[in-house]
Amino acid sequence: MANVRVVAPEPERSVAAEAAKVSKPARRLFGTDGIRGPANVPPMTPETAMRLGMAVAAHFGRHGRVIVGKDTRLSGYMFETAIAAGVCAMGADVMLIGPMPTPAIAYIAQSMRADAGIVISASHNPFSDNGIKLFAFDGFKLPDEVEAEVERLMEPGVLERRFARGREIGRALRIDDAAGRYITHTKYAFPDHLKLDGIRIVVDCAHGAAYKVAPTVLRELGAEVIAIGVQPNGTNINEKCGAVHPQEMCAQVRQYRADVGIALDG
C-alpha cells in the first residue's frame, strides 16, 4: 500500500492584512502615551526634545506655529526650552503656555489654529519622570504615520542642513492669557441647567498642571472650593496627593463635610 501524505491547504491570507502589516509605521520612541521615562535618561533627554521640536517644525513646514505646554515638574522648563530651540531652528514659531492640563493644550492648539501641540508631562508618575505627547491642529493625537515620520526626521544628520537662517529663524512667544482662555472655554462647556451654587467641593490638584485652573473654574461656577495640592515646587507633584494618593482628599471631605471630593493627577 502506498504511503499517503495529506497536506492541508494553507489558510488564505488577507491581502489587506498583509499590506497593513508591511506598511505599518515603525515607531521606536513613541508609545501609546508618547515618549516617557526618567528625565535626563535616554530617551527623555534635552537632545531628544530639541530634535523632536526640529522634526515637528520640519514636518509642518517653515513659518508654522507650535503650542507647547507642560505640568509642574522640575525638568519641564528644561524640556520646554529644548523643544522651543528646535522649533525655532527650523523656522517655525513656538508659543509657550506654561503649566496647563493636557486637554487645555489640545484646546489652545485648536483655538489658535496652530499646526501642532506638544505636552510635556508624565501624568501620575513621580517628579523625576517626564514625557512628551504630540497633538494635531484639531486637538487630537497625531496619526501613527505622522509620529513615524517625526521619528525619522529626528535621526542625526537628517535636518542639520535645513536650519533656518537670518530672518527665517522662528520666534518663541509666551502666551500669558492661555489659562484665562481655557477657564472661559471650560465654563461655557458646563451645561446651563446645572448649578454648583452652594455645593462644597474638595479638589486635590496634586501640585500639578491644573493647580490654577481647576479651583478657579469650580469657584466661578458657584461652588465653595477647598483646594489642596496647589503649591507646586517642582518636586512635590503627585507626592502623597492627587489621584494616586486620595487619602488626604478623603480626609478633607470628612473634615469639611463636603458634598464631593475630586482628586486629579499631575
C-alpha atoms as a PDB file:
ATOM      1  CA  MET A   1       0.000   0.000   0.000  1.00  0.00           C
ATOM      2  CA  ALA A   2       1.421   3.343  -0.997  1.00  0.00           C
ATOM      3  CA  ASN A   3       2.145   5.894   1.673  1.00  0.00           C
ATOM      4  CA  VAL A   4      -0.282   8.753   1.517  1.00  0.00           C
ATOM      5  CA  ARG A   5       0.509  12.168   2.970  1.00  0.00           C
ATOM      6  CA  VAL A   6      -2.308  14.601   3.392  1.00  0.00           C
ATOM      7  CA  VAL A   7      -1.247  18.232   3.220  1.00  0.00           C
ATOM      8  CA  ALA A   8      -3.750  20.748   4.499  1.00  0.00           C
ATOM      9  CA  PRO A   9      -4.068  23.830   2.327  1.00  0.00           C
ATOM     10  CA  GLU A  10      -2.587  26.994   3.812  1.00  0.00           C
ATOM     11  CA  PRO A  11      -5.252  29.377   5.048  1.00  0.00           C
ATOM     12  CA  GLU A  12      -5.824  32.307   2.769  1.00  0.00           C
ATOM     13  CA  ARG A  13      -4.173  35.459   3.951  1.00  0.00           C
ATOM     14  CA  SER A  14      -5.992  38.709   3.727  1.00  0.00           C
ATOM     15  CA  VAL A  15      -4.265  40.958   1.214  1.00  0.00           C
ATOM     16  CA  ALA A  16      -5.345  43.979   3.240  1.00  0.00           C
ATOM     17  CA  ALA A  17      -3.960  42.470   6.454  1.00  0.00           C
ATOM     18  CA  GLU A  18      -0.634  41.687   4.778  1.00  0.00           C
ATOM     19  CA  ALA A  19      -0.433  45.175   3.307  1.00  0.00           C
ATOM     20  CA  ALA A  20      -1.200  46.726   6.678  1.00  0.00           C
ATOM     21  CA  LYS A  21       1.470  44.555   8.278  1.00  0.00           C
ATOM     22  CA  VAL A  22       4.056  45.664   5.728  1.00  0.00           C
ATOM     23  CA  SER A  23       3.075  49.330   5.697  1.00  0.00           C
ATOM     24  CA  LYS A  24       2.572  49.784   9.444  1.00  0.00           C
ATOM     25  CA  PRO A  25       4.797  52.675  10.545  1.00  0.00           C
ATOM     26  CA  ALA A  26       7.781  51.647  12.634  1.00  0.00           C
ATOM     27  CA  ARG A  27       7.990  53.703  15.818  1.00  0.00           C
ATOM     28  CA  ARG A  28      10.742  53.303  18.377  1.00  0.00           C
ATOM     29  CA  LEU A  29      10.334  56.381  20.552  1.00  0.00           C
ATOM     30  CA  PHE A  30       6.584  56.918  20.640  1.00  0.00           C
ATOM     31  CA  GLY A  31       4.477  54.566  22.705  1.00  0.00           C
ATOM     32  CA  THR A  32       0.742  54.762  23.306  1.00  0.00           C
ATOM     33  CA  ASP A  33       1.408  57.685  25.667  1.00  0.00           C
ATOM     34  CA  GLY A  34       4.084  59.455  23.641  1.00  0.00           C
ATOM     35  CA  ILE A  35       7.687  59.460  24.863  1.00  0.00           C
ATOM     36  CA  ARG A  36       8.086  58.892  28.593  1.00  0.00           C
ATOM     37  CA  GLY A  37      10.794  57.997  31.093  1.00  0.00           C
ATOM     38  CA  PRO A  38      13.180  59.336  33.750  1.00  0.00           C
ATOM     39  CA  ALA A  39      14.288  62.894  32.948  1.00  0.00           C
ATOM     40  CA  ASN A  40      17.848  63.186  31.601  1.00  0.00           C
ATOM     41  CA  VAL A  41      17.972  59.451  30.906  1.00  0.00           C
ATOM     42  CA  PRO A  42      17.599  58.335  27.261  1.00  0.00           C
ATOM     43  CA  PRO A  43      15.230  58.748  25.563  1.00  0.00           C
ATOM     44  CA  MET A  44      13.986  61.618  27.778  1.00  0.00           C
ATOM     45  CA  THR A  45      16.941  63.956  27.250  1.00  0.00           C
ATOM     46  CA  PRO A  46      17.168  67.605  26.158  1.00  0.00           C
ATOM     47  CA  GLU A  47      18.750  66.444  22.889  1.00  0.00           C
ATOM     48  CA  THR A  48      15.734  64.246  22.157  1.00  0.00           C
ATOM     49  CA  ALA A  49      13.413  67.145  22.994  1.00  0.00           C
ATOM     50  CA  MET A  50      15.308  69.549  20.730  1.00  0.00           C
ATOM     51  CA  ARG A  51      15.338  67.065  17.854  1.00  0.00           C
ATOM     52  CA  LEU A  52      11.628  66.455  18.351  1.00  0.00           C
ATOM     53  CA  GLY A  53      10.987  70.197  18.127  1.00  0.00           C
ATOM     54  CA  MET A  54      13.064  70.333  14.940  1.00  0.00           C
ATOM     55  CA  ALA A  55      11.227  67.352  13.445  1.00  0.00           C
ATOM     56  CA  VAL A  56       7.743  68.662  14.254  1.00  0.00           C
ATOM     57  CA  ALA A  57       8.560  72.058  12.754  1.00  0.00           C
ATOM     58  CA  ALA A  58      10.120  70.468   9.662  1.00  0.00           C
ATOM     59  CA  HIS A  59       7.129  68.199   9.126  1.00  0.00           C
ATOM     60  CA  PHE A  60       4.594  71.018   9.281  1.00  0.00           C
ATOM     61  CA  GLY A  61       6.743  73.455   7.321  1.00  0.00           C
ATOM     62  CA  ARG A  62       8.560  76.720   7.847  1.00  0.00           C
ATOM     63  CA  HIS A  63       6.506  79.598   9.286  1.00  0.00           C
ATOM     64  CA  GLY A  64       4.261  77.151  11.144  1.00  0.00           C
ATOM     65  CA  ARG A  65       3.078  77.532  14.739  1.00  0.00           C
ATOM     66  CA  VAL A  66       3.515  75.041  17.562  1.00  0.00           C
ATOM     67  CA  ILE A  67       1.899  75.277  21.031  1.00  0.00           C
ATOM     68  CA  VAL A  68       3.936  73.924  23.967  1.00  0.00           C
ATOM     69  CA  GLY A  69       2.518  73.367  27.454  1.00  0.00           C
ATOM     70  CA  LYS A  70       3.677  71.379  30.445  1.00  0.00           C
ATOM     71  CA  ASP A  71       2.998  70.313  34.000  1.00  0.00           C
ATOM     72  CA  THR A  72       4.899  71.488  37.089  1.00  0.00           C
ATOM     73  CA  ARG A  73       7.843  69.061  37.130  1.00  0.00           C
ATOM     74  CA  LEU A  74      11.320  70.427  37.756  1.00  0.00           C
ATOM     75  CA  SER A  75      12.535  69.150  34.389  1.00  0.00           C
ATOM     76  CA  GLY A  76       9.657  70.744  32.486  1.00  0.00           C
ATOM     77  CA  TYR A  77      11.390  74.069  31.888  1.00  0.00           C
ATOM     78  CA  MET A  78      14.477  72.259  30.589  1.00  0.00           C
ATOM     79  CA  PHE A  79      12.449  70.315  28.041  1.00  0.00           C
ATOM     80  CA  GLU A  80      10.325  73.353  27.166  1.00  0.00           C
ATOM     81  CA  THR A  81      13.461  75.333  26.317  1.00  0.00           C
ATOM     82  CA  ALA A  82      14.927  72.471  24.283  1.00  0.00           C
ATOM     83  CA  ILE A  83      11.740  71.965  22.256  1.00  0.00           C
ATOM     84  CA  ALA A  84      11.417  75.711  21.651  1.00  0.00           C
ATOM     85  CA  ALA A  85      15.013  75.866  20.384  1.00  0.00           C
ATOM     86  CA  GLY A  86      14.357  73.019  17.966  1.00  0.00           C
ATOM     87  CA  VAL A  87      11.150  74.531  16.609  1.00  0.00           C
ATOM     88  CA  CYS A  88      12.706  77.969  16.106  1.00  0.00           C
ATOM     89  CA  ALA A  89      15.821  76.486  14.485  1.00  0.00           C
ATOM     90  CA  MET A  90      13.647  75.132  11.676  1.00  0.00           C
ATOM     91  CA  GLY A  91      11.890  78.453  11.072  1.00  0.00           C
ATOM     92  CA  ALA A  92       8.598  77.898  12.904  1.00  0.00           C
ATOM     93  CA  ASP A  93       7.186  79.904  15.807  1.00  0.00           C
ATOM     94  CA  VAL A  94       6.614  78.329  19.208  1.00  0.00           C
ATOM     95  CA  MET A  95       4.017  79.555  21.686  1.00  0.00           C
ATOM     96  CA  LEU A  96       4.666  78.669  25.318  1.00  0.00           C
ATOM     97  CA  ILE A  97       1.651  78.491  27.623  1.00  0.00           C
ATOM     98  CA  GLY A  98       3.317  77.170  30.801  1.00  0.00           C
ATOM     99  CA  PRO A  99       1.723  74.753  33.285  1.00  0.00           C
ATOM    100  CA  MET A 100      -1.660  73.682  31.924  1.00  0.00           C
ATOM    101  CA  PRO A 101      -3.688  70.440  31.876  1.00  0.00           C
ATOM    102  CA  THR A 102      -3.268  68.263  28.790  1.00  0.00           C
ATOM    103  CA  PRO A 103      -6.818  68.982  27.459  1.00  0.00           C
ATOM    104  CA  ALA A 104      -6.066  72.702  27.736  1.00  0.00           C
ATOM    105  CA  ILE A 105      -3.066  72.387  25.439  1.00  0.00           C
ATOM    106  CA  ALA A 106      -5.140  70.469  22.904  1.00  0.00           C
ATOM    107  CA  TYR A 107      -7.842  73.167  23.097  1.00  0.00           C
ATOM    108  CA  ILE A 108      -5.379  76.066  22.783  1.00  0.00           C
ATOM    109  CA  ALA A 109      -3.708  74.413  19.788  1.00  0.00           C
ATOM    110  CA  GLN A 110      -7.087  74.147  18.083  1.00  0.00           C
ATOM    111  CA  SER A 111      -8.404  77.592  19.033  1.00  0.00           C
ATOM    112  CA  MET A 112      -5.185  79.373  17.993  1.00  0.00           C
ATOM    113  CA  ARG A 113      -5.075  77.426  14.716  1.00  0.00           C
ATOM    114  CA  ALA A 114      -1.632  76.064  15.464  1.00  0.00           C
ATOM    115  CA  ASP A 115      -0.146  73.307  13.335  1.00  0.00           C
ATOM    116  CA  ALA A 116       0.579  71.119  16.351  1.00  0.00           C
ATOM    117  CA  GLY A 117       0.544  70.993  20.141  1.00  0.00           C
ATOM    118  CA  ILE A 118       3.217  69.492  22.384  1.00  0.00           C
ATOM    119  CA  VAL A 119       2.600  68.461  26.003  1.00  0.00           C
ATOM    120  CA  ILE A 120       5.478  67.947  28.434  1.00  0.00           C
ATOM    121  CA  SER A 121       4.076  65.773  31.220  1.00  0.00           C
ATOM    122  CA  ALA A 122       4.320  62.352  32.844  1.00  0.00           C
ATOM    123  CA  SER A 123       0.807  62.417  34.324  1.00  0.00           C
ATOM    124  CA  HIS A 124       0.658  60.395  37.574  1.00  0.00           C
ATOM    125  CA  ASN A 125       4.354  59.418  37.547  1.00  0.00           C
ATOM    126  CA  PRO A 126       6.831  60.794  40.127  1.00  0.00           C
ATOM    127  CA  PHE A 127       8.504  64.155  39.532  1.00  0.00           C
ATOM    128  CA  SER A 128      11.730  62.501  38.360  1.00  0.00           C
ATOM    129  CA  ASP A 129       9.957  61.236  35.230  1.00  0.00           C
ATOM    130  CA  ASN A 130       8.721  63.270  32.306  1.00  0.00           C
ATOM    131  CA  GLY A 131       7.141  62.709  28.928  1.00  0.00           C
ATOM    132  CA  ILE A 132       6.221  64.313  25.622  1.00  0.00           C
ATOM    133  CA  LYS A 133       2.957  63.960  23.684  1.00  0.00           C
ATOM    134  CA  LEU A 134       2.016  65.407  20.308  1.00  0.00           C
ATOM    135  CA  PHE A 135      -1.336  66.755  19.121  1.00  0.00           C
ATOM    136  CA  ALA A 136      -2.520  67.673  15.649  1.00  0.00           C
ATOM    137  CA  PHE A 137      -4.101  71.031  14.788  1.00  0.00           C
ATOM    138  CA  ASP A 138      -7.545  69.653  15.650  1.00  0.00           C
ATOM    139  CA  GLY A 139      -6.554  68.804  19.230  1.00  0.00           C
ATOM    140  CA  PHE A 140      -6.409  65.049  18.629  1.00  0.00           C
ATOM    141  CA  LYS A 141      -3.422  62.714  18.802  1.00  0.00           C
ATOM    142  CA  LEU A 142      -1.211  62.666  15.723  1.00  0.00           C
ATOM    143  CA  PRO A 143      -1.727  59.658  13.438  1.00  0.00           C
ATOM    144  CA  ASP A 144       0.820  56.852  13.797  1.00  0.00           C
ATOM    145  CA  GLU A 145       2.267  57.526  10.355  1.00  0.00           C
ATOM    146  CA  VAL A 146       2.973  61.158  11.272  1.00  0.00           C
ATOM    147  CA  GLU A 147       4.679  60.106  14.521  1.00  0.00           C
ATOM    148  CA  ALA A 148       6.767  57.645  12.493  1.00  0.00           C
ATOM    149  CA  GLU A 149       7.752  60.444  10.106  1.00  0.00           C
ATOM    150  CA  VAL A 150       8.664  62.685  13.057  1.00  0.00           C
ATOM    151  CA  GLU A 151      10.895  59.899  14.395  1.00  0.00           C
ATOM    152  CA  ARG A 152      12.587  59.577  11.009  1.00  0.00           C
ATOM    153  CA  LEU A 153      13.266  63.310  10.894  1.00  0.00           C
ATOM    154  CA  MET A 154      14.769  63.149  14.394  1.00  0.00           C
ATOM    155  CA  GLU A 155      17.637  60.937  13.218  1.00  0.00           C
ATOM    156  CA  PRO A 156      21.049  62.696  13.399  1.00  0.00           C
ATOM    157  CA  GLY A 157      22.091  64.262  10.106  1.00  0.00           C
ATOM    158  CA  VAL A 158      18.595  64.452   8.586  1.00  0.00           C
ATOM    159  CA  LEU A 159      17.713  68.076   9.372  1.00  0.00           C
ATOM    160  CA  GLU A 160      21.003  69.799  10.161  1.00  0.00           C
ATOM    161  CA  ARG A 161      21.332  71.211   6.633  1.00  0.00           C
ATOM    162  CA  ARG A 162      17.815  72.621   6.735  1.00  0.00           C
ATOM    163  CA  PHE A 163      18.322  75.080   9.606  1.00  0.00           C
ATOM    164  CA  ALA A 164      16.639  78.456   9.159  1.00  0.00           C
ATOM    165  CA  ARG A 165      18.941  81.460   8.934  1.00  0.00           C
ATOM    166  CA  GLY A 166      18.641  85.186   9.426  1.00  0.00           C
ATOM    167  CA  ARG A 167      15.068  86.444   9.354  1.00  0.00           C
ATOM    168  CA  GLU A 168      13.794  82.916   8.741  1.00  0.00           C
ATOM    169  CA  ILE A 169      14.551  81.798  12.326  1.00  0.00           C
ATOM    170  CA  GLY A 170      11.362  81.285  14.309  1.00  0.00           C
ATOM    171  CA  ARG A 171      10.228  83.195  17.374  1.00  0.00           C
ATOM    172  CA  ALA A 172       9.434  81.946  20.865  1.00  0.00           C
ATOM    173  CA  LEU A 173       6.407  83.704  22.366  1.00  0.00           C
ATOM    174  CA  ARG A 174       4.826  83.269  25.776  1.00  0.00           C
ATOM    175  CA  ILE A 175       1.007  83.344  25.788  1.00  0.00           C
ATOM    176  CA  ASP A 176       0.040  84.996  29.071  1.00  0.00           C
ATOM    177  CA  ASP A 177      -3.738  84.629  28.769  1.00  0.00           C
ATOM    178  CA  ALA A 178      -3.842  80.893  27.947  1.00  0.00           C
ATOM    179  CA  ALA A 179      -5.209  79.938  31.375  1.00  0.00           C
ATOM    180  CA  GLY A 180      -7.983  82.521  31.098  1.00  0.00           C
ATOM    181  CA  ARG A 181      -8.948  81.251  27.649  1.00  0.00           C
ATOM    182  CA  TYR A 182      -9.226  77.680  28.885  1.00  0.00           C
ATOM    183  CA  ILE A 183     -11.141  78.656  32.031  1.00  0.00           C
ATOM    184  CA  THR A 184     -13.698  80.515  29.895  1.00  0.00           C
ATOM    185  CA  HIS A 185     -13.972  77.583  27.485  1.00  0.00           C
ATOM    186  CA  THR A 186     -14.493  75.100  30.331  1.00  0.00           C
ATOM    187  CA  LYS A 187     -17.199  77.207  31.960  1.00  0.00           C
ATOM    188  CA  TYR A 188     -19.105  77.565  28.688  1.00  0.00           C
ATOM    189  CA  ALA A 189     -18.906  73.794  28.221  1.00  0.00           C
ATOM    190  CA  PHE A 190     -20.693  73.275  31.555  1.00  0.00           C
ATOM    191  CA  PRO A 191     -24.444  72.685  30.981  1.00  0.00           C
ATOM    192  CA  ASP A 192     -26.545  75.782  31.663  1.00  0.00           C
ATOM    193  CA  HIS A 193     -29.173  73.859  33.616  1.00  0.00           C
ATOM    194  CA  LEU A 194     -26.632  72.572  36.146  1.00  0.00           C
ATOM    195  CA  LYS A 195     -25.603  74.785  39.043  1.00  0.00           C
ATOM    196  CA  LEU A 196     -22.818  74.427  41.592  1.00  0.00           C
ATOM    197  CA  ASP A 197     -24.174  77.152  43.883  1.00  0.00           C
ATOM    198  CA  GLY A 198     -23.999  76.033  47.498  1.00  0.00           C
ATOM    199  CA  ILE A 199     -22.058  72.849  46.725  1.00  0.00           C
ATOM    200  CA  ARG A 200     -18.910  72.339  48.780  1.00  0.00           C
ATOM    201  CA  ILE A 201     -16.128  70.638  46.809  1.00  0.00           C
ATOM    202  CA  VAL A 202     -12.686  69.471  47.891  1.00  0.00           C
ATOM    203  CA  VAL A 203     -10.335  69.393  44.890  1.00  0.00           C
ATOM    204  CA  ASP A 204      -6.832  67.920  45.135  1.00  0.00           C
ATOM    205  CA  CYS A 205      -4.717  69.185  42.233  1.00  0.00           C
ATOM    206  CA  ALA A 206      -1.666  67.038  43.103  1.00  0.00           C
ATOM    207  CA  HIS A 207       0.591  70.115  42.878  1.00  0.00           C
ATOM    208  CA  GLY A 208       0.255  69.541  39.141  1.00  0.00           C
ATOM    209  CA  ALA A 209      -0.788  71.170  35.899  1.00  0.00           C
ATOM    210  CA  ALA A 210      -4.361  72.009  36.971  1.00  0.00           C
ATOM    211  CA  TYR A 211      -3.406  73.727  40.229  1.00  0.00           C
ATOM    212  CA  LYS A 212      -4.641  77.105  38.961  1.00  0.00           C
ATOM    213  CA  VAL A 213      -7.423  76.359  36.530  1.00  0.00           C
ATOM    214  CA  ALA A 214      -9.369  73.636  38.379  1.00  0.00           C
ATOM    215  CA  PRO A 215     -10.164  75.609  41.575  1.00  0.00           C
ATOM    216  CA  THR A 216     -10.867  78.749  39.531  1.00  0.00           C
ATOM    217  CA  VAL A 217     -13.355  77.015  37.228  1.00  0.00           C
ATOM    218  CA  LEU A 218     -15.239  75.446  40.140  1.00  0.00           C
ATOM    219  CA  ARG A 219     -15.392  78.730  42.081  1.00  0.00           C
ATOM    220  CA  GLU A 220     -16.576  80.710  39.073  1.00  0.00           C
ATOM    221  CA  LEU A 221     -19.316  78.134  38.558  1.00  0.00           C
ATOM    222  CA  GLY A 222     -20.548  78.909  42.068  1.00  0.00           C
ATOM    223  CA  ALA A 223     -19.048  76.148  44.214  1.00  0.00           C
ATOM    224  CA  GLU A 224     -17.444  76.588  47.608  1.00  0.00           C
ATOM    225  CA  VAL A 225     -13.984  75.156  46.973  1.00  0.00           C
ATOM    226  CA  ILE A 226     -11.445  73.719  49.397  1.00  0.00           C
ATOM    227  CA  ALA A 227      -8.319  73.406  47.247  1.00  0.00           C
ATOM    228  CA  ILE A 228      -5.344  71.263  48.248  1.00  0.00           C
ATOM    229  CA  GLY A 229      -2.270  70.253  46.286  1.00  0.00           C
ATOM    230  CA  VAL A 230      -1.972  73.746  44.822  1.00  0.00           C
ATOM    231  CA  GLN A 231       1.567  74.696  45.868  1.00  0.00           C
ATOM    232  CA  PRO A 232       3.876  73.105  43.293  1.00  0.00           C
ATOM    233  CA  ASN A 233       7.610  73.418  43.863  1.00  0.00           C
ATOM    234  CA  GLY A 234       8.852  71.240  41.014  1.00  0.00           C
ATOM    235  CA  THR A 235       9.402  68.111  43.091  1.00  0.00           C
ATOM    236  CA  ASN A 236       6.157  67.571  45.024  1.00  0.00           C
ATOM    237  CA  ILE A 237       3.898  66.683  42.080  1.00  0.00           C
ATOM    238  CA  ASN A 238       1.837  63.552  42.954  1.00  0.00           C
ATOM    239  CA  GLU A 239       3.704  63.228  46.263  1.00  0.00           C
ATOM    240  CA  LYS A 240       1.234  61.716  48.760  1.00  0.00           C
ATOM    241  CA  CYS A 241      -1.573  63.552  46.990  1.00  0.00           C
ATOM    242  CA  GLY A 242      -3.775  63.527  43.924  1.00  0.00           C
ATOM    243  CA  ALA A 243      -5.494  60.636  42.203  1.00  0.00           C
ATOM    244  CA  VAL A 244      -2.767  58.144  43.128  1.00  0.00           C
ATOM    245  CA  HIS A 245      -2.960  59.045  46.829  1.00  0.00           C
ATOM    246  CA  PRO A 246      -6.539  60.221  47.545  1.00  0.00           C
ATOM    247  CA  GLN A 247      -6.336  59.735  51.326  1.00  0.00           C
ATOM    248  CA  GLU A 248      -5.812  63.429  52.134  1.00  0.00           C
ATOM    249  CA  MET A 249      -8.648  64.455  49.841  1.00  0.00           C
ATOM    250  CA  CYS A 250     -10.949  61.950  51.569  1.00  0.00           C
ATOM    251  CA  ALA A 251      -9.914  63.274  54.983  1.00  0.00           C
ATOM    252  CA  GLN A 252     -10.670  66.856  53.897  1.00  0.00           C
ATOM    253  CA  VAL A 253     -14.088  65.809  52.593  1.00  0.00           C
ATOM    254  CA  ARG A 254     -14.928  64.378  56.011  1.00  0.00           C
ATOM    255  CA  GLN A 255     -13.425  67.309  57.922  1.00  0.00           C
ATOM    256  CA  TYR A 256     -15.277  69.997  55.961  1.00  0.00           C
ATOM    257  CA  ARG A 257     -18.403  67.896  55.363  1.00  0.00           C
ATOM    258  CA  ALA A 258     -18.026  68.475  51.650  1.00  0.00           C
ATOM    259  CA  ASP A 259     -20.563  67.283  49.122  1.00  0.00           C
ATOM    260  CA  VAL A 260     -17.926  65.801  46.861  1.00  0.00           C
ATOM    261  CA  GLY A 261     -14.177  65.334  46.538  1.00  0.00           C
ATOM    262  CA  ILE A 262     -12.154  65.410  43.327  1.00  0.00           C
ATOM    263  CA  ALA A 263      -8.581  64.127  43.024  1.00  0.00           C
ATOM    264  CA  LEU A 264      -6.543  64.914  39.902  1.00  0.00           C
ATOM    265  CA  ASP A 265      -3.164  63.606  38.828  1.00  0.00           C
ATOM    266  CA  GLY A 266      -0.200  65.768  37.898  1.00  0.00           C
END
